[in-house]
Amino acid sequence: MRVTEKGQVTIPQPIRNALGIVPGSEVEFVLEGDHARLQRVVRPEIVAERLQRYAGSADAGLTTEDILKLTRR
């Protein structure tokens, strides 16, 4: 994998799937000695706001997988 001139890399799909990273997700890099660890940031207030937005809606336009991603930590 190569780093672009802007310092960007693509997170492989299997890793995004395993971590529940979707467009708009927040991630952070944690420096650990001579390497870095990528982790998804889960903010309970954001999850609660998203769940509230769709509360009582039988057709929120979300797939089952989308709904499960909103509720997973």
PDB file of N, CA and C in Angstrom:
ATOM      1  N   MET A   1       0.852  -1.169   0.000  1.00  0.00           N
ATOM      2  CA  MET A   1       0.000   0.000   0.000  1.00  0.00           C
ATOM      3  C   MET A   1       0.899   1.233   0.000  1.00  0.00           C
ATOM      4  N   ARG A   2       0.529   2.204  -0.780  1.00  0.00           N
ATOM      5  CA  ARG A   2       1.326   3.425  -0.880  1.00  0.00           C
ATOM      6  C   ARG A   2       0.589   4.597  -0.250  1.00  0.00           C
ATOM      7  N   VAL A   3       1.377   5.512   0.272  1.00  0.00           N
ATOM      8  CA  VAL A   3       0.850   6.743   0.841  1.00  0.00           C
ATOM      9  C   VAL A   3       0.858   7.800  -0.264  1.00  0.00           C
ATOM     10  N   THR A   4      -0.255   8.522  -0.425  1.00  0.00           N
ATOM     11  CA  THR A   4      -0.322   9.558  -1.454  1.00  0.00           C
ATOM     12  C   THR A   4       0.481  10.780  -1.011  1.00  0.00           C
ATOM     13  N   GLU A   5       0.635  11.727  -1.921  1.00  0.00           N
ATOM     14  CA  GLU A   5       1.341  12.960  -1.597  1.00  0.00           C
ATOM     15  C   GLU A   5       0.668  13.723  -0.459  1.00  0.00           C
ATOM     16  N   LYS A   6      -0.637  13.517  -0.300  1.00  0.00           N
ATOM     17  CA  LYS A   6      -1.379  14.178   0.780  1.00  0.00           C
ATOM     18  C   LYS A   6      -1.329  13.381   2.086  1.00  0.00           C
ATOM     19  N   GLY A   7      -0.601  12.258   2.100  1.00  0.00           N
ATOM     20  CA  GLY A   7      -0.493  11.444   3.305  1.00  0.00           C
ATOM     21  C   GLY A   7      -1.665  10.498   3.498  1.00  0.00           C
ATOM     22  N   GLN A   8      -2.399  10.215   2.436  1.00  0.00           N
ATOM     23  CA  GLN A   8      -3.588   9.376   2.534  1.00  0.00           C
ATOM     24  C   GLN A   8      -3.297   7.940   2.138  1.00  0.00           C
ATOM     25  N   VAL A   9      -4.015   7.025   2.777  1.00  0.00           N
ATOM     26  CA  VAL A   9      -3.991   5.615   2.405  1.00  0.00           C
ATOM     27  C   VAL A   9      -5.432   5.120   2.378  1.00  0.00           C
ATOM     28  N   THR A  10      -5.660   4.032   1.686  1.00  0.00           N
ATOM     29  CA  THR A  10      -6.978   3.425   1.651  1.00  0.00           C
ATOM     30  C   THR A  10      -7.011   2.297   2.667  1.00  0.00           C
ATOM     31  N   ILE A  11      -8.033   2.314   3.524  1.00  0.00           N
ATOM     32  CA  ILE A  11      -8.200   1.230   4.493  1.00  0.00           C
ATOM     33  C   ILE A  11      -8.848   0.073   3.743  1.00  0.00           C
ATOM     34  N   PRO A  12      -8.219  -1.100   3.734  1.00  0.00           N
ATOM     35  CA  PRO A  12      -8.786  -2.228   2.990  1.00  0.00           C
ATOM     36  C   PRO A  12     -10.204  -2.570   3.465  1.00  0.00           C
ATOM     37  N   GLN A  13     -11.058  -2.985   2.524  1.00  0.00           N
ATOM     38  CA  GLN A  13     -12.453  -3.287   2.811  1.00  0.00           C
ATOM     39  C   GLN A  13     -12.630  -4.299   3.949  1.00  0.00           C
ATOM     40  N   PRO A  14     -11.863  -5.389   4.001  1.00  0.00           N
ATOM     41  CA  PRO A  14     -12.062  -6.343   5.111  1.00  0.00           C
ATOM     42  C   PRO A  14     -11.825  -5.702   6.489  1.00  0.00           C
ATOM     43  N   ILE A  15     -10.885  -4.783   6.566  1.00  0.00           N
ATOM     44  CA  ILE A  15     -10.620  -4.105   7.832  1.00  0.00           C
ATOM     45  C   ILE A  15     -11.743  -3.131   8.149  1.00  0.00           C
ATOM     46  N   ARG A  16     -12.217  -2.388   7.138  1.00  0.00           N
ATOM     47  CA  ARG A  16     -13.356  -1.481   7.359  1.00  0.00           C
ATOM     48  C   ARG A  16     -14.571  -2.263   7.822  1.00  0.00           C
ATOM     49  N   ASN A  17     -14.823  -3.399   7.206  1.00  0.00           N
ATOM     50  CA  ASN A  17     -15.965  -4.228   7.602  1.00  0.00           C
ATOM     51  C   ASN A  17     -15.816  -4.725   9.031  1.00  0.00           C
ATOM     52  N   ALA A  18     -14.638  -5.218   9.378  1.00  0.00           N
ATOM     53  CA  ALA A  18     -14.407  -5.768  10.715  1.00  0.00           C
ATOM     54  C   ALA A  18     -14.558  -4.711  11.805  1.00  0.00           C
ATOM     55  N   LEU A  19     -14.168  -3.475  11.495  1.00  0.00           N
ATOM     56  CA  LEU A  19     -14.243  -2.402  12.489  1.00  0.00           C
ATOM     57  C   LEU A  19     -15.539  -1.601  12.410  1.00  0.00           C
ATOM     58  N   GLY A  20     -16.360  -1.885  11.407  1.00  0.00           N
ATOM     59  CA  GLY A  20     -17.602  -1.129  11.251  1.00  0.00           C
ATOM     60  C   GLY A  20     -17.369   0.292  10.782  1.00  0.00           C
ATOM     61  N   ILE A  21     -16.317   0.481   9.998  1.00  0.00           N
ATOM     62  CA  ILE A  21     -15.998   1.810   9.474  1.00  0.00           C
ATOM     63  C   ILE A  21     -16.774   2.025   8.186  1.00  0.00           C
ATOM     64  N   VAL A  22     -17.603   3.062   8.193  1.00  0.00           N
ATOM     65  CA  VAL A  22     -18.424   3.416   7.034  1.00  0.00           C
ATOM     66  C   VAL A  22     -18.141   4.873   6.704  1.00  0.00           C
ATOM     67  N   PRO A  23     -18.576   5.348   5.533  1.00  0.00           N
ATOM     68  CA  PRO A  23     -18.365   6.761   5.221  1.00  0.00           C
ATOM     69  C   PRO A  23     -18.901   7.647   6.344  1.00  0.00           C
ATOM     70  N   GLY A  24     -18.078   8.575   6.792  1.00  0.00           N
ATOM     71  CA  GLY A  24     -18.447   9.466   7.877  1.00  0.00           C
ATOM     72  C   GLY A  24     -17.963   8.999   9.237  1.00  0.00           C
ATOM     73  N   SER A  25     -17.464   7.758   9.316  1.00  0.00           N
ATOM     74  CA  SER A  25     -16.938   7.260  10.587  1.00  0.00           C
ATOM     75  C   SER A  25     -15.707   8.052  10.991  1.00  0.00           C
ATOM     76  N   GLU A  26     -15.491   8.128  12.293  1.00  0.00           N
ATOM     77  CA  GLU A  26     -14.276   8.754  12.799  1.00  0.00           C
ATOM     78  C   GLU A  26     -13.295   7.660  13.195  1.00  0.00           C
ATOM     79  N   VAL A  27     -12.031   7.882  12.868  1.00  0.00           N
ATOM     80  CA  VAL A  27     -10.965   6.970  13.271  1.00  0.00           C
ATOM     81  C   VAL A  27      -9.844   7.795  13.879  1.00  0.00           C
ATOM     82  N   GLU A  28      -9.003   7.120  14.639  1.00  0.00           N
ATOM     83  CA  GLU A  28      -7.832   7.803  15.175  1.00  0.00           C
ATOM     84  C   GLU A  28      -6.639   6.874  15.081  1.00  0.00           C
ATOM     85  N   PHE A  29      -5.474   7.470  15.038  1.00  0.00           N
ATOM     86  CA  PHE A  29      -4.229   6.728  15.010  1.00  0.00           C
ATOM     87  C   PHE A  29      -3.565   6.896  16.366  1.00  0.00           C
ATOM     88  N   VAL A  30      -3.136   5.782  16.937  1.00  0.00           N
ATOM     89  CA  VAL A  30      -2.469   5.794  18.230  1.00  0.00           C
ATOM     90  C   VAL A  30      -1.030   5.338  18.005  1.00  0.00           C
ATOM     91  N   LEU A  31      -0.078   6.191  18.359  1.00  0.00           N
ATOM     92  CA  LEU A  31       1.331   5.867  18.181  1.00  0.00           C
ATOM     93  C   LEU A  31       1.768   4.926  19.290  1.00  0.00           C
ATOM     94  N   GLU A  32       2.352   3.801  18.903  1.00  0.00           N
ATOM     95  CA  GLU A  32       2.830   2.783  19.850  1.00  0.00           C
ATOM     96  C   GLU A  32       4.256   2.407  19.465  1.00  0.00           C
ATOM     97  N   GLY A  33       5.203   3.081  20.078  1.00  0.00           N
ATOM     98  CA  GLY A  33       6.608   2.829  19.760  1.00  0.00           C
ATOM     99  C   GLY A  33       6.909   3.191  18.329  1.00  0.00           C
ATOM    100  N   ASP A  34       7.308   2.185  17.538  1.00  0.00           N
ATOM    101  CA  ASP A  34       7.684   2.444  16.152  1.00  0.00           C
ATOM    102  C   ASP A  34       6.575   2.118  15.164  1.00  0.00           C
ATOM    103  N   HIS A  35       5.337   1.965  15.668  1.00  0.00           N
ATOM    104  CA  HIS A  35       4.218   1.720  14.755  1.00  0.00           C
ATOM    105  C   HIS A  35       2.969   2.444  15.271  1.00  0.00           C
ATOM    106  N   ALA A  36       1.954   2.480  14.430  1.00  0.00           N
ATOM    107  CA  ALA A  36       0.701   3.157  14.790  1.00  0.00           C
ATOM    108  C   ALA A  36      -0.450   2.165  14.682  1.00  0.00           C
ATOM    109  N   ARG A  37      -1.449   2.388  15.522  1.00  0.00           N
ATOM    110  CA  ARG A  37      -2.646   1.551  15.536  1.00  0.00           C
ATOM    111  C   ARG A  37      -3.832   2.416  15.113  1.00  0.00           C
ATOM    112  N   LEU A  38      -4.633   1.882  14.212  1.00  0.00           N
ATOM    113  CA  LEU A  38      -5.851   2.556  13.759  1.00  0.00           C
ATOM    114  C   LEU A  38      -7.012   2.012  14.575  1.00  0.00           C
ATOM    115  N   GLN A  39      -7.864   2.907  15.085  1.00  0.00           N
ATOM    116  CA  GLN A  39      -9.060   2.442  15.778  1.00  0.00           C
ATOM    117  C   GLN A  39     -10.226   3.350  15.456  1.00  0.00           C
ATOM    118  N   ARG A  40     -11.403   2.745  15.438  1.00  0.00           N
ATOM    119  CA  ARG A  40     -12.637   3.497  15.190  1.00  0.00           C
ATOM    120  C   ARG A  40     -13.004   4.233  16.464  1.00  0.00           C
ATOM    121  N   VAL A  41     -13.455   5.467  16.311  1.00  0.00           N
ATOM    122  CA  VAL A  41     -13.899   6.274  17.445  1.00  0.00           C
ATOM    123  C   VAL A  41     -15.411   6.147  17.539  1.00  0.00           C
ATOM    124  N   VAL A  42     -15.890   5.733  18.692  1.00  0.00           N
ATOM    125  CA  VAL A  42     -17.331   5.625  18.917  1.00  0.00           C
ATOM    126  C   VAL A  42     -17.707   6.645  19.971  1.00  0.00           C
ATOM    127  N   ARG A  43     -18.535   7.578  19.593  1.00  0.00           N
ATOM    128  CA  ARG A  43     -19.001   8.597  20.525  1.00  0.00           C
ATOM    129  C   ARG A  43     -20.460   8.302  20.845  1.00  0.00           C
ATOM    130  N   PRO A  44     -20.739   7.934  22.093  1.00  0.00           N
ATOM    131  CA  PRO A  44     -22.114   7.565  22.471  1.00  0.00           C
ATOM    132  C   PRO A  44     -23.150   8.631  22.113  1.00  0.00           C
ATOM    133  N   GLU A  45     -22.796   9.901  22.226  1.00  0.00           N
ATOM    134  CA  GLU A  45     -23.773  10.945  21.924  1.00  0.00           C
ATOM    135  C   GLU A  45     -24.141  10.966  20.445  1.00  0.00           C
ATOM    136  N   ILE A  46     -23.195  10.629  19.579  1.00  0.00           N
ATOM    137  CA  ILE A  46     -23.474  10.588  18.146  1.00  0.00           C
ATOM    138  C   ILE A  46     -24.359   9.383  17.828  1.00  0.00           C
ATOM    139  N   VAL A  47     -24.051   8.241  18.437  1.00  0.00           N
ATOM    140  CA  VAL A  47     -24.872   7.046  18.221  1.00  0.00           C
ATOM    141  C   VAL A  47     -26.297   7.310  18.689  1.00  0.00           C
ATOM    142  N   ALA A  48     -26.447   7.917  19.876  1.00  0.00           N
ATOM    143  CA  ALA A  48     -27.780   8.213  20.408  1.00  0.00           C
ATOM    144  C   ALA A  48     -28.543   9.165  19.484  1.00  0.00           C
ATOM    145  N   GLU A  49     -27.864  10.158  18.943  1.00  0.00           N
ATOM    146  CA  GLU A  49     -28.517  11.117  18.047  1.00  0.00           C
ATOM    147  C   GLU A  49     -28.984  10.428  16.774  1.00  0.00           C
ATOM    148  N   ARG A  50     -28.159   9.546  16.237  1.00  0.00           N
ATOM    149  CA  ARG A  50     -28.541   8.840  15.016  1.00  0.00           C
ATOM    150  C   ARG A  50     -29.703   7.900  15.264  1.00  0.00           C
ATOM    151  N   LEU A  51     -29.696   7.205  16.391  1.00  0.00           N
ATOM    152  CA  LEU A  51     -30.800   6.312  16.712  1.00  0.00           C
ATOM    153  C   LEU A  51     -32.088   7.102  16.908  1.00  0.00           C
ATOM    154  N   GLN A  52     -32.004   8.250  17.572  1.00  0.00           N
ATOM    155  CA  GLN A  52     -33.170   9.079  17.810  1.00  0.00           C
ATOM    156  C   GLN A  52     -33.773   9.579  16.493  1.00  0.00           C
ATOM    157  N   ARG A  53     -32.920   9.888  15.559  1.00  0.00           N
ATOM    158  CA  ARG A  53     -33.381  10.398  14.267  1.00  0.00           C
ATOM    159  C   ARG A  53     -34.323   9.412  13.580  1.00  0.00           C
ATOM    160  N   TYR A  54     -34.058   8.118  13.767  1.00  0.00           N
ATOM    161  CA  TYR A  54     -34.839   7.099  13.081  1.00  0.00           C
ATOM    162  C   TYR A  54     -35.873   6.425  13.984  1.00  0.00           C
ATOM    163  N   ALA A  55     -35.991   6.857  15.225  1.00  0.00           N
ATOM    164  CA  ALA A  55     -36.935   6.249  16.170  1.00  0.00           C
ATOM    165  C   ALA A  55     -38.357   6.340  15.631  1.00  0.00           C
ATOM    166  N   GLY A  56     -39.083   5.225  15.719  1.00  0.00           N
ATOM    167  CA  GLY A  56     -40.473   5.199  15.297  1.00  0.00           C
ATOM    168  C   GLY A  56     -40.673   5.127  13.800  1.00  0.00           C
ATOM    169  N   SER A  57     -39.609   5.006  13.065  1.00  0.00           N
ATOM    170  CA  SER A  57     -39.716   4.957  11.611  1.00  0.00           C
ATOM    171  C   SER A  57     -39.583   3.516  11.140  1.00  0.00           C
ATOM    172  N   ALA A  58     -40.596   3.056  10.458  1.00  0.00           N
ATOM    173  CA  ALA A  58     -40.552   1.696   9.931  1.00  0.00           C
ATOM    174  C   ALA A  58     -39.734   1.637   8.644  1.00  0.00           C
ATOM    175  N   ASP A  59     -39.564   2.774   7.995  1.00  0.00           N
ATOM    176  CA  ASP A  59     -38.821   2.806   6.750  1.00  0.00           C
ATOM    177  C   ASP A  59     -37.890   4.008   6.770  1.00  0.00           C
ATOM    178  N   ALA A  60     -36.760   3.837   7.427  1.00  0.00           N
ATOM    179  CA  ALA A  60     -35.787   4.920   7.543  1.00  0.00           C
ATOM    180  C   ALA A  60     -34.799   4.899   6.380  1.00  0.00           C
ATOM    181  N   GLY A  61     -34.992   3.967   5.452  1.00  0.00           N
ATOM    182  CA  GLY A  61     -34.076   3.878   4.326  1.00  0.00           C
ATOM    183  C   GLY A  61     -32.767   3.200   4.691  1.00  0.00           C
ATOM    184  N   LEU A  62     -32.757   2.488   5.815  1.00  0.00           N
ATOM    185  CA  LEU A  62     -31.543   1.808   6.269  1.00  0.00           C
ATOM    186  C   LEU A  62     -31.699   0.308   6.086  1.00  0.00           C
ATOM    187  N   THR A  63     -30.589  -0.341   5.788  1.00  0.00           N
ATOM    188  CA  THR A  63     -30.594  -1.793   5.740  1.00  0.00           C
ATOM    189  C   THR A  63     -30.438  -2.315   7.163  1.00  0.00           C
ATOM    190  N   THR A  64     -30.681  -3.587   7.342  1.00  0.00           N
ATOM    191  CA  THR A  64     -30.478  -4.199   8.651  1.00  0.00           C
ATOM    192  C   THR A  64     -29.036  -4.012   9.099  1.00  0.00           C
ATOM    193  N   GLU A  65     -28.107  -4.172   8.185  1.00  0.00           N
ATOM    194  CA  GLU A  65     -26.689  -4.000   8.516  1.00  0.00           C
ATOM    195  C   GLU A  65     -26.398  -2.569   8.965  1.00  0.00           C
ATOM    196  N   ASP A  66     -26.997  -1.578   8.308  1.00  0.00           N
ATOM    197  CA  ASP A  66     -26.820  -0.181   8.715  1.00  0.00           C
ATOM    198  C   ASP A  66     -27.311   0.029  10.142  1.00  0.00           C
ATOM    199  N   ILE A  67     -28.480  -0.534  10.455  1.00  0.00           N
ATOM    200  CA  ILE A  67     -29.041  -0.383  11.795  1.00  0.00           C
ATOM    201  C   ILE A  67     -28.140  -1.053  12.821  1.00  0.00           C
ATOM    202  N   LEU A  68     -27.645  -2.237  12.507  1.00  0.00           N
ATOM    203  CA  LEU A  68     -26.747  -2.932  13.443  1.00  0.00           C
ATOM    204  C   LEU A  68     -25.460  -2.155  13.659  1.00  0.00           C
ATOM    205  N   LYS A  69     -24.939  -1.521  12.619  1.00  0.00           N
ATOM    206  CA  LYS A  69     -23.709  -0.718  12.766  1.00  0.00           C
ATOM    207  C   LYS A  69     -23.949   0.467  13.690  1.00  0.00           C
ATOM    208  N   LEU A  70     -25.157   1.036  13.657  1.00  0.00           N
ATOM    209  CA  LEU A  70     -25.468   2.160  14.541  1.00  0.00           C
ATOM    210  C   LEU A  70     -25.530   1.727  16.006  1.00  0.00           C
ATOM    211  N   THR A  71     -25.879   0.473  16.253  1.00  0.00           N
ATOM    212  CA  THR A  71     -26.047   0.031  17.627  1.00  0.00           C
ATOM    213  C   THR A  71     -24.817  -0.681  18.186  1.00  0.00           C
ATOM    214  N   ARG A  72     -23.882  -1.058  17.333  1.00  0.00           N
ATOM    215  CA  ARG A  72     -22.661  -1.753  17.798  1.00  0.00           C
ATOM    216  C   ARG A  72     -21.661  -0.760  18.338  1.00  0.00           C
ATOM    217  N   ARG A  73     -20.860  -1.218  19.263  1.00  0.00           N
ATOM    218  CA  ARG A  73     -19.784  -0.373  19.793  1.00  0.00           C
ATOM    219  C   ARG A  73     -18.465  -0.985  19.498  1.00  0.00           C
TER     220      ARG A  73
END
